[in-house]
Amino acid sequence: MDPLFEFDLSLAAKGSRESSRNLYSQLKAAILDGRLGAGARLPATRKSAAFFGVSRNTAAEVYERLLNEGYVVSRRGSGTYVADRVPAPLPRPSVRAEGGINRPLNEFWLRPEVTAAMSFWRDRPESPAARPKVSQIDFRPALVDSRLFPFDVFRRISAKQLRGLERKPASYKSPQGNQGNYSLRHAITRHIALTRAVACGPDDILVTSGAQQAFDLLARVLVVPNETIVAIEDPGYPPMRVAFAAAGATLVPVGVDAEGLIVEQLPPGVGVICVCPSHQFPLGVTMSTRRRKALVEFALSRGAVIIEDDYDGEFRYDGSPLEALRTSDAADVVFYVGTFSKCMLSALRLGFIVAPEWAMPTLVAAKNCLDWHCSTPVQIGVAGFIAEGHLAHHVRKMRDIYKKRRRLLLNFLGDNLREWLDPIPSFYGMHVAAEARTARDLDEVAAALLRHNVKIHTFSRYYLGPQTKKGLIFGYGAVDLPEMNRGLSFLRKALQNLP
């Protein structure tokens, strides 16, 4: 079967001596810039006249040259294919006029608030094919163990919901709606009312492609480039702040102590305040009631808005339940961002914003400009999963599992690592942070652990301003008890070996 080969090639005149060189250069360029991806099949040389307008001998000569240079491979009886790994192209000189368009982009990607976020994203888990055969022990935060998710239940519910679409196919307008599938928005209101005491209706919710799109939409709507001041927790979550940096905001790092964001440090003229009040990322502290009240009063008196990132608030282990920052009194100034990445699966790419009424039309317009709406099959599958009580059951099961992992971690820190690390008290979430008792180089410790296939993050990657604390972050979402014991033992040896 002939391959699909829809390339507009600029061919030399028939019979021209430049035919071979011309075809070679264009095929090579297509391979290097990715238009002809790895494994793409090239047309057979016997069909070269139809595809390339050259003789079979000319095409064979070009293929042979590409083969010798490593750009293609030949499979006997099958054909010629683009190689999986091709030689890297020579670096091209940067052509840029003074004050040209490249400068702002390059400067943006070099900003510290952006480079830290890119490092965070690059450090996500590899695909199964790319993983080394040696088992890894992964203490990185914000990871979920997909092995524990009830895929069989979710498949059954999704199939049931899809059968409903067969009878009444979805369209751009109905039943999707501008803000997301109604059944999902209704299910979300019930879920966050029970787990986070957030009172709202379906019309207050905008469904997004994960929390990251929620941050991006909020940045697009709330930021006036080069004017809006955005206060962020420092240390904080890099992918959140990069969305506001990309929108042109001026970022101001604000310190965090045992009570959460230090409200007294908020800058004058701030327009947006980004916080994780239930389980601050990455330190894990919970914002005190006193600070919560002061923060909301600050926003109301200064005309500012608050973005509440509640990324793993479903998982509480000790203490009394704590309401989300978005209460009825604060509903006009708080944008509540939730996600299903931690309580279900990150692969779903599904999140939501509970927004003030005044902001919803603009948020919907921004969402429509990006992708119109999230996947309808995914939305109705998650809606059914919540409505039938499976999410509540899964959260309860994961709380028990995480509680055991958390207990082992805290016991090990207290019994074996207390000479070096002091755990920061926290009652929520899927990770524990521990502050260094001494001025040791913990980045060196993390590098030493990586040589033993143990992955762990230090505080350093989460700071935008000067680093005021040193420590390690222990995520227990993707590491079971035996792995945790082995990884912590490696950590103890690494700490002992530091000068």
Protein backbone atom coordinates (compact mmCIF):
# COMPACT_ATOMS: atom_id res chain seq x y z
CA MET A 1 0.00 0.00 0.00
CA ASP A 2 1.37 3.40 -0.98
CA PRO A 3 2.08 5.80 1.91
CA LEU A 4 0.30 9.10 2.32
CA PHE A 5 2.88 11.57 1.05
CA GLU A 6 1.28 14.99 0.84
CA PHE A 7 4.36 17.18 0.40
CA ASP A 8 4.53 20.22 -1.82
CA LEU A 9 8.06 19.83 -3.22
CA SER A 10 9.73 22.46 -5.34
CA LEU A 11 11.07 20.25 -8.11
CA ALA A 12 13.74 21.16 -10.60
CA ALA A 13 12.84 21.22 -14.27
CA LYS A 14 12.57 17.83 -15.91
CA GLY A 15 15.97 16.61 -17.05
CA SER A 16 17.79 19.19 -14.94
CA ARG A 17 21.14 18.24 -13.43
CA GLU A 18 19.88 19.76 -10.17
CA SER A 19 17.09 17.17 -9.74
CA SER A 20 19.07 14.87 -7.47
CA ARG A 21 20.47 17.62 -5.22
CA ASN A 22 17.14 19.39 -5.08
CA LEU A 23 15.20 16.28 -4.00
CA TYR A 24 17.88 15.31 -1.47
CA SER A 25 17.91 18.73 0.21
CA GLN A 26 14.12 18.91 0.49
CA LEU A 27 13.72 15.39 1.91
CA LYS A 28 16.56 15.99 4.39
CA ALA A 29 14.99 19.29 5.49
CA ALA A 30 11.62 17.59 6.00
CA ILE A 31 13.25 14.90 8.16
CA LEU A 32 15.19 17.41 10.27
CA ASP A 33 12.25 19.72 10.96
CA GLY A 34 9.94 16.82 11.82
CA ARG A 35 7.54 16.97 8.88
CA LEU A 36 8.79 13.48 8.05
CA GLY A 37 8.79 11.88 11.49
CA ALA A 38 10.59 8.77 12.71
CA GLY A 39 9.22 5.66 11.02
CA ALA A 40 7.58 7.54 8.13
CA ARG A 41 7.66 5.47 4.95
CA LEU A 42 9.01 7.07 1.78
CA PRO A 43 7.47 6.33 -1.60
CA ALA A 44 8.89 3.37 -3.53
CA THR A 45 11.50 4.34 -6.09
CA ARG A 46 9.42 2.73 -8.86
CA LYS A 47 6.77 5.39 -8.15
CA SER A 48 9.30 8.25 -8.09
CA ALA A 49 7.95 9.83 -11.25
CA ALA A 50 4.46 10.17 -9.73
CA PHE A 51 5.64 11.45 -6.34
CA PHE A 52 8.81 13.36 -7.18
CA GLY A 53 8.79 13.91 -10.91
CA VAL A 54 12.24 12.26 -11.23
CA SER A 55 13.50 8.98 -12.64
CA ARG A 56 13.77 5.83 -10.55
CA ASN A 57 17.58 5.99 -10.76
CA THR A 58 17.59 9.57 -9.40
CA ALA A 59 15.32 8.62 -6.51
CA ALA A 60 17.46 5.56 -5.73
CA GLU A 61 20.57 7.76 -5.69
CA VAL A 62 18.93 10.21 -3.25
CA TYR A 63 17.71 7.39 -0.97
CA GLU A 64 21.19 5.84 -0.96
CA ARG A 65 22.73 9.15 0.10
CA LEU A 66 20.17 9.62 2.90
CA LEU A 67 20.82 6.02 3.98
CA ASN A 68 24.59 6.53 4.14
CA GLU A 69 24.13 9.67 6.24
CA GLY A 70 21.80 7.96 8.72
CA TYR A 71 18.58 9.77 7.88
CA VAL A 72 16.70 6.73 6.58
CA VAL A 73 16.79 2.95 6.96
CA SER A 74 16.02 0.29 4.38
CA ARG A 75 13.91 -2.73 5.29
CA ARG A 76 14.20 -5.62 2.86
CA GLY A 77 10.92 -6.32 1.13
CA SER A 78 9.20 -3.45 2.94
CA GLY A 79 10.66 -0.14 1.79
CA THR A 80 12.58 2.91 2.98
CA TYR A 81 11.72 4.59 6.28
CA VAL A 82 12.87 7.64 8.24
CA ALA A 83 15.33 6.51 10.91
CA ASP A 84 14.26 6.55 14.58
CA ARG A 85 17.28 8.67 15.44
CA VAL A 86 18.64 11.05 12.87
CA PRO A 87 21.83 13.11 13.03
CA ALA A 88 21.34 16.42 14.79
CA PRO A 89 21.33 19.42 12.45
CA LEU A 90 24.11 21.95 12.73
CA PRO A 91 23.10 24.93 14.89
CA ARG A 92 21.84 27.79 12.80
CA PRO A 93 22.96 31.33 13.55
CA SER A 94 20.29 33.49 15.18
CA VAL A 95 19.14 36.16 12.75
CA ARG A 96 17.54 38.93 14.73
CA ALA A 97 17.05 42.57 13.98
CA GLU A 98 17.83 45.00 16.76
CA GLY A 99 14.87 44.98 19.13
CA GLY A 100 13.38 42.22 16.93
CA ILE A 101 10.59 39.84 17.72
CA ASN A 102 12.85 37.08 19.10
CA ARG A 103 14.13 39.13 22.01
CA PRO A 104 10.95 39.21 24.17
CA LEU A 105 10.40 35.48 23.68
CA ASN A 106 13.97 34.57 24.54
CA GLU A 107 13.95 36.84 27.57
CA PHE A 108 10.67 35.31 28.75
CA TRP A 109 11.98 31.73 28.64
CA LEU A 110 15.09 32.76 30.57
CA ARG A 111 13.17 34.36 33.44
CA PRO A 112 13.60 32.44 36.75
CA GLU A 113 9.85 32.01 37.29
CA VAL A 114 9.70 30.28 33.90
CA THR A 115 12.87 28.18 34.01
CA ALA A 116 11.84 26.69 37.37
CA ALA A 117 8.47 25.71 35.94
CA MET A 118 10.03 24.16 32.85
CA SER A 119 12.32 22.14 35.10
CA PHE A 120 9.26 20.97 37.03
CA TRP A 121 7.50 19.86 33.84
CA ARG A 122 10.57 18.12 32.43
CA ASP A 123 10.79 16.14 35.65
CA ARG A 124 7.46 14.40 35.14
CA PRO A 125 7.45 10.58 34.82
CA GLU A 126 8.72 9.12 31.58
CA SER A 127 6.60 6.98 29.31
CA PRO A 128 6.79 3.24 30.11
CA ALA A 129 8.93 2.60 27.03
CA ALA A 130 11.48 5.18 28.17
CA ARG A 131 11.80 3.94 31.74
CA PRO A 132 14.97 2.10 32.67
CA LYS A 133 14.59 -1.52 33.67
CA VAL A 134 16.07 -0.79 37.09
CA SER A 135 13.21 -0.07 39.46
CA GLN A 136 12.85 3.54 40.57
CA ILE A 137 11.85 4.91 43.95
CA ASP A 138 9.97 8.12 43.33
CA PHE A 139 9.49 10.63 46.15
CA ARG A 140 8.63 13.51 43.82
CA PRO A 141 5.46 15.40 44.82
CA ALA A 142 2.20 15.60 42.86
CA LEU A 143 2.43 12.03 41.52
CA VAL A 144 -0.40 9.49 41.62
CA ASP A 145 -0.09 5.70 41.62
CA SER A 146 -2.32 4.76 38.68
CA ARG A 147 -2.13 1.08 39.69
CA LEU A 148 -4.58 1.84 42.51
CA PHE A 149 -7.26 3.43 40.35
CA PRO A 150 -10.42 1.33 39.68
CA PHE A 151 -10.11 1.27 35.90
CA ASP A 152 -12.68 -1.52 35.57
CA VAL A 153 -15.33 0.60 37.30
CA PHE A 154 -14.45 3.70 35.28
CA ARG A 155 -14.55 1.72 32.00
CA ARG A 156 -18.01 0.36 32.83
CA ILE A 157 -19.39 3.78 33.73
CA SER A 158 -17.80 5.45 30.69
CA ALA A 159 -19.25 2.80 28.39
CA LYS A 160 -22.69 3.34 29.90
CA GLN A 161 -22.42 7.10 29.39
CA LEU A 162 -21.21 6.66 25.81
CA ARG A 163 -24.26 4.54 25.00
CA GLY A 164 -26.31 7.57 26.00
CA LEU A 165 -24.39 9.64 23.45
CA GLU A 166 -25.35 7.14 20.75
CA ARG A 167 -29.01 7.97 21.38
CA LYS A 168 -28.42 11.71 21.72
CA PRO A 169 -25.11 12.75 20.14
CA ALA A 170 -23.36 15.76 21.67
CA SER A 171 -22.79 18.91 19.66
CA TYR A 172 -20.83 22.08 20.20
CA LYS A 173 -23.75 23.66 22.06
CA SER A 174 -25.76 20.84 23.63
CA PRO A 175 -25.45 19.02 25.95
CA GLN A 176 -21.96 20.39 26.43
CA GLY A 177 -22.87 23.96 27.31
CA ASN A 178 -20.40 26.79 27.39
CA GLN A 179 -19.11 26.03 30.87
CA GLY A 180 -18.80 22.25 30.66
CA ASN A 181 -21.11 19.26 30.75
CA TYR A 182 -23.97 20.04 33.13
CA SER A 183 -24.01 16.61 34.78
CA LEU A 184 -20.32 16.99 35.59
CA ARG A 185 -20.74 20.51 36.97
CA HIS A 186 -23.65 19.30 39.11
CA ALA A 187 -21.56 16.36 40.38
CA ILE A 188 -18.65 18.71 41.18
CA THR A 189 -20.89 20.93 43.31
CA ARG A 190 -21.92 17.95 45.43
CA HIS A 191 -18.36 16.64 45.72
CA ILE A 192 -16.73 19.88 46.85
CA ALA A 193 -19.65 20.71 49.17
CA LEU A 194 -19.04 17.46 51.07
CA THR A 195 -15.23 17.36 50.96
CA ARG A 196 -14.30 21.07 51.05
CA ALA A 197 -17.44 22.88 52.27
CA VAL A 198 -17.59 24.96 49.07
CA ALA A 199 -21.17 26.09 48.47
CA CYS A 200 -21.90 26.85 44.83
CA GLY A 201 -24.18 25.90 41.97
CA PRO A 202 -23.44 24.35 38.56
CA ASP A 203 -23.56 27.80 36.93
CA ASP A 204 -20.64 28.90 39.14
CA ILE A 205 -18.35 26.24 37.65
CA LEU A 206 -16.23 26.27 34.51
CA VAL A 207 -14.72 22.91 33.51
CA THR A 208 -11.10 23.13 32.31
CA SER A 209 -8.41 20.88 30.88
CA GLY A 210 -6.71 20.38 34.22
CA ALA A 211 -5.67 22.97 36.79
CA GLN A 212 -2.99 24.30 34.45
CA GLN A 213 -5.56 25.51 31.94
CA ALA A 214 -7.47 27.04 34.84
CA PHE A 215 -4.41 29.10 35.77
CA ASP A 216 -3.90 30.08 32.14
CA LEU A 217 -7.51 31.21 31.74
CA LEU A 218 -7.40 33.21 34.95
CA ALA A 219 -4.17 34.87 33.87
CA ARG A 220 -5.67 35.80 30.50
CA VAL A 221 -8.75 37.30 32.15
CA LEU A 222 -7.25 39.00 35.22
CA VAL A 223 -3.89 40.30 33.99
CA VAL A 224 -3.27 43.56 32.18
CA PRO A 225 0.23 43.12 30.68
CA ASN A 226 2.94 45.18 32.36
CA GLU A 227 0.41 46.58 34.85
CA THR A 228 -1.08 43.84 37.03
CA ILE A 229 0.89 42.83 40.13
CA VAL A 230 0.48 39.18 41.10
CA ALA A 231 1.56 37.99 44.55
CA ILE A 232 2.71 34.38 44.74
CA GLU A 233 3.76 32.21 47.66
CA ASP A 234 7.51 31.72 47.86
CA PRO A 235 8.39 28.90 47.73
CA GLY A 236 5.47 28.00 45.52
CA TYR A 237 4.15 25.98 42.58
CA PRO A 238 6.15 26.91 39.44
CA PRO A 239 3.55 25.97 36.78
CA MET A 240 1.04 28.32 38.40
CA ARG A 241 3.30 31.34 38.32
CA VAL A 242 4.49 30.70 34.76
CA ALA A 243 0.93 31.19 33.49
CA PHE A 244 0.87 34.68 34.99
CA ALA A 245 4.37 35.46 33.80
CA ALA A 246 3.32 34.48 30.27
CA ALA A 247 0.36 36.85 30.51
CA GLY A 248 2.69 39.75 31.27
CA ALA A 249 2.10 40.12 35.01
CA THR A 250 4.66 41.48 37.46
CA LEU A 251 5.30 38.65 39.93
CA VAL A 252 6.06 39.47 43.55
CA PRO A 253 7.19 36.60 45.80
CA VAL A 254 5.67 36.66 49.30
CA GLY A 255 7.03 34.66 52.22
CA VAL A 256 5.35 31.69 53.91
CA ASP A 257 5.61 30.80 57.61
CA ALA A 258 3.91 28.29 59.91
CA GLU A 259 0.56 30.08 59.42
CA GLY A 260 0.77 30.24 55.64
CA LEU A 261 1.14 33.25 53.37
CA ILE A 262 2.37 36.29 55.33
CA VAL A 263 -0.40 38.79 54.56
CA GLU A 264 1.61 41.70 55.94
CA GLN A 265 4.15 41.21 53.14
CA LEU A 266 1.63 41.68 50.32
CA PRO A 267 2.73 44.59 48.12
CA PRO A 268 0.65 47.73 47.66
CA GLY A 269 -1.28 47.76 44.42
CA VAL A 270 -1.45 43.96 44.17
CA GLY A 271 -4.29 42.80 41.92
CA VAL A 272 -4.10 38.99 42.17
CA ILE A 273 -3.02 36.84 45.12
CA CYS A 274 -2.25 33.15 44.48
CA VAL A 275 -2.39 30.80 47.48
CA CYS A 276 -2.65 27.13 48.47
CA PRO A 277 -4.31 27.64 51.88
CA SER A 278 -5.19 24.04 52.76
CA HIS A 279 -1.85 22.40 51.96
CA GLN A 280 0.71 24.94 50.83
CA PHE A 281 2.91 23.73 48.01
CA PRO A 282 5.60 22.67 48.71
CA LEU A 283 5.96 23.32 52.47
CA GLY A 284 2.64 21.70 53.38
CA VAL A 285 1.52 24.19 56.03
CA THR A 286 -2.16 25.03 56.47
CA MET A 287 -3.16 28.69 56.53
CA SER A 288 -4.45 29.63 59.97
CA THR A 289 -7.97 30.94 60.52
CA ARG A 290 -6.51 34.31 61.53
CA ARG A 291 -4.53 34.59 58.29
CA ARG A 292 -7.49 33.48 56.18
CA LYS A 293 -9.65 36.22 57.63
CA ALA A 294 -6.90 38.81 57.18
CA LEU A 295 -6.31 37.75 53.56
CA VAL A 296 -9.97 38.00 52.58
CA GLU A 297 -10.30 41.37 54.32
CA PHE A 298 -7.20 42.59 52.49
CA ALA A 299 -8.63 41.56 49.11
CA LEU A 300 -12.02 43.13 49.81
CA SER A 301 -10.50 46.42 50.97
CA ARG A 302 -7.91 46.69 48.18
CA GLY A 303 -10.01 45.53 45.23
CA ALA A 304 -7.81 42.46 44.74
CA VAL A 305 -8.84 38.89 43.92
CA ILE A 306 -7.60 35.59 45.34
CA ILE A 307 -6.87 32.40 43.44
CA GLU A 308 -7.23 29.39 45.73
CA ASP A 309 -5.41 26.31 44.46
CA ASP A 310 -6.90 23.30 46.26
CA TYR A 311 -4.93 20.59 44.48
CA ASP A 312 -5.13 17.76 47.06
CA GLY A 313 -7.51 19.00 49.74
CA GLU A 314 -9.55 15.78 49.71
CA PHE A 315 -6.82 14.00 51.66
CA ARG A 316 -6.98 15.00 55.34
CA TYR A 317 -5.43 12.85 58.07
CA ASP A 318 -5.56 14.73 61.38
CA GLY A 319 -7.23 17.74 62.94
CA SER A 320 -10.68 19.17 62.36
CA PRO A 321 -12.03 19.67 58.81
CA LEU A 322 -11.09 23.08 57.47
CA GLU A 323 -13.29 24.93 55.03
CA ALA A 324 -11.91 26.17 51.76
CA LEU A 325 -11.07 29.86 51.52
CA ARG A 326 -14.02 30.35 49.17
CA THR A 327 -16.92 30.76 51.58
CA SER A 328 -20.16 32.61 50.92
CA ASP A 329 -18.63 35.77 52.42
CA ALA A 330 -15.63 35.58 50.08
CA ALA A 331 -17.36 34.29 46.95
CA ASP A 332 -17.02 37.62 45.16
CA VAL A 333 -13.22 37.77 45.41
CA VAL A 334 -12.06 34.11 45.46
CA PHE A 335 -11.53 31.92 42.40
CA TYR A 336 -11.42 28.30 43.61
CA VAL A 337 -9.38 25.95 41.38
CA GLY A 338 -9.83 22.19 41.74
CA THR A 339 -8.53 19.19 39.84
CA PHE A 340 -9.18 15.49 39.36
CA SER A 341 -5.48 14.80 38.77
CA LYS A 342 -4.78 13.87 42.40
CA CYS A 343 -8.05 12.27 43.52
CA MET A 344 -8.43 10.31 40.25
CA LEU A 345 -5.85 10.40 37.42
CA SER A 346 -3.63 13.10 35.95
CA ALA A 347 -4.19 11.56 32.50
CA LEU A 348 -7.82 12.72 32.58
CA ARG A 349 -6.66 16.36 32.18
CA LEU A 350 -9.76 17.62 33.92
CA GLY A 351 -10.11 20.47 36.40
CA PHE A 352 -12.49 23.28 37.21
CA ILE A 353 -12.85 26.87 38.41
CA VAL A 354 -15.51 28.02 40.85
CA ALA A 355 -15.70 31.67 39.84
CA PRO A 356 -17.54 34.80 40.96
CA GLU A 357 -20.61 35.55 38.86
CA TRP A 358 -19.11 38.75 37.47
CA ALA A 359 -16.12 36.91 35.97
CA MET A 360 -17.84 33.90 34.41
CA PRO A 361 -18.80 35.39 30.98
CA THR A 362 -15.22 36.48 30.30
CA LEU A 363 -13.78 33.16 31.48
CA VAL A 364 -16.19 31.26 29.21
CA ALA A 365 -15.18 33.45 26.26
CA ALA A 366 -11.48 32.78 26.97
CA LYS A 367 -12.13 29.04 27.25
CA ASN A 368 -14.01 29.04 23.95
CA CYS A 369 -11.07 30.77 22.27
CA LEU A 370 -8.70 28.04 23.47
CA ASP A 371 -10.49 24.76 22.83
CA TRP A 372 -14.25 25.43 23.05
CA HIS A 373 -14.79 22.65 25.58
CA CYS A 374 -13.14 19.65 27.22
CA SER A 375 -13.68 16.13 25.90
CA THR A 376 -17.35 15.22 26.28
CA PRO A 377 -16.75 11.45 26.77
CA VAL A 378 -14.24 12.17 29.56
CA GLN A 379 -16.59 14.66 31.23
CA ILE A 380 -19.61 12.37 31.27
CA GLY A 381 -17.47 9.44 32.43
CA VAL A 382 -16.17 11.43 35.41
CA ALA A 383 -19.68 12.76 36.11
CA GLY A 384 -21.02 9.21 36.34
CA PHE A 385 -18.05 8.12 38.46
CA ILE A 386 -18.82 10.87 40.99
CA ALA A 387 -22.62 10.53 40.89
CA GLU A 388 -22.54 6.80 41.61
CA GLY A 389 -20.34 7.33 44.66
CA HIS A 390 -17.16 5.80 43.26
CA LEU A 391 -15.03 8.90 43.71
CA ALA A 392 -15.95 9.11 47.40
CA HIS A 393 -15.10 5.41 47.79
CA HIS A 394 -11.78 5.84 45.96
CA VAL A 395 -10.83 8.88 48.06
CA ARG A 396 -11.57 6.97 51.28
CA LYS A 397 -9.45 4.04 50.09
CA MET A 398 -6.56 6.30 49.09
CA ARG A 399 -6.73 8.17 52.39
CA ASP A 400 -6.11 4.89 54.21
CA ILE A 401 -3.22 3.98 51.90
CA TYR A 402 -1.64 7.43 52.07
CA LYS A 403 -2.07 7.51 55.85
CA LYS A 404 0.02 4.33 56.20
CA ARG A 405 2.70 5.69 53.88
CA ARG A 406 2.69 9.01 55.71
CA ARG A 407 3.01 7.31 59.11
CA LEU A 408 5.99 5.23 57.95
CA LEU A 409 7.63 8.35 56.49
CA LEU A 410 7.17 10.43 59.65
CA ASN A 411 8.37 7.58 61.88
CA PHE A 412 11.50 7.14 59.78
CA LEU A 413 12.17 10.87 59.80
CA GLY A 414 11.77 10.97 63.55
CA ASP A 415 13.78 7.84 64.33
CA ASN A 416 16.53 7.80 61.70
CA LEU A 417 16.84 11.23 60.09
CA ARG A 418 16.21 13.64 62.94
CA GLU A 419 19.89 14.60 63.00
CA TRP A 420 19.48 16.21 59.58
CA LEU A 421 15.78 16.88 58.93
CA ASP A 422 12.83 18.34 60.81
CA PRO A 423 9.37 17.54 59.32
CA ILE A 424 7.08 20.54 58.83
CA PRO A 425 3.69 19.81 60.45
CA SER A 426 0.86 19.29 57.97
CA PHE A 427 -2.48 17.50 57.98
CA TYR A 428 -3.42 17.37 54.31
CA GLY A 429 -2.18 16.16 50.96
CA MET A 430 0.17 13.67 49.37
CA HIS A 431 3.58 14.88 50.47
CA VAL A 432 5.52 15.95 53.56
CA ALA A 433 8.25 18.59 53.58
CA ALA A 434 11.20 18.42 55.97
CA GLU A 435 13.43 21.38 56.74
CA ALA A 436 17.20 20.92 57.00
CA ARG A 437 18.66 21.31 60.49
CA THR A 438 22.10 22.13 59.07
CA ALA A 439 23.42 24.04 56.07
CA ARG A 440 24.24 20.93 54.07
CA ASP A 441 24.03 20.87 50.29
CA LEU A 442 20.78 18.94 49.77
CA ASP A 443 20.96 19.32 45.99
CA GLU A 444 24.11 17.21 46.20
CA VAL A 445 22.18 14.67 48.28
CA ALA A 446 19.41 14.53 45.67
CA ALA A 447 22.01 14.00 42.93
CA ALA A 448 23.59 11.16 44.93
CA LEU A 449 20.19 9.50 45.39
CA LEU A 450 19.45 9.77 41.70
CA ARG A 451 22.48 7.58 41.02
CA HIS A 452 20.62 4.89 42.99
CA ASN A 453 17.39 5.53 41.03
CA VAL A 454 15.83 7.41 43.94
CA LYS A 455 14.11 10.65 42.87
CA ILE A 456 13.47 13.45 45.34
CA HIS A 457 13.04 17.22 45.17
CA THR A 458 14.74 19.88 47.25
CA PHE A 459 13.22 23.22 48.22
CA SER A 460 15.57 25.08 45.89
CA ARG A 461 13.59 24.47 42.70
CA TYR A 462 10.46 26.09 44.13
CA TYR A 463 11.83 29.51 45.07
CA LEU A 464 11.44 32.58 42.90
CA GLY A 465 13.09 35.00 45.33
CA PRO A 466 16.06 34.34 47.65
CA GLN A 467 15.95 30.88 49.20
CA THR A 468 15.21 31.23 52.92
CA LYS A 469 14.77 27.56 53.83
CA LYS A 470 16.53 24.35 52.83
CA GLY A 471 14.86 20.99 52.86
CA LEU A 472 13.49 17.96 51.05
CA ILE A 473 9.99 17.13 49.83
CA PHE A 474 8.75 13.56 50.26
CA GLY A 475 5.88 12.68 47.95
CA TYR A 476 4.18 9.40 48.84
CA GLY A 477 1.60 9.26 46.07
CA ALA A 478 3.60 6.89 43.84
CA VAL A 479 5.83 4.97 46.28
CA ASP A 480 4.66 1.94 48.26
CA LEU A 481 5.85 0.93 51.72
CA PRO A 482 8.78 -1.39 50.79
CA GLU A 483 10.07 1.13 48.24
CA MET A 484 9.76 3.91 50.79
CA ASN A 485 11.86 1.98 53.33
CA ARG A 486 14.58 1.33 50.76
CA GLY A 487 14.60 4.90 49.51
CA LEU A 488 14.79 6.39 52.99
CA SER A 489 17.67 4.06 53.84
CA PHE A 490 19.53 5.33 50.77
CA LEU A 491 18.82 8.88 51.94
CA ARG A 492 20.28 8.21 55.38
CA LYS A 493 23.49 6.89 53.83
CA ALA A 494 23.72 9.88 51.49
CA LEU A 495 23.32 12.29 54.43
CA GLN A 496 25.92 10.42 56.47
CA ASN A 497 28.42 10.62 53.60
CA LEU A 498 28.15 14.37 53.21
CA PRO A 499 31.20 16.25 54.56
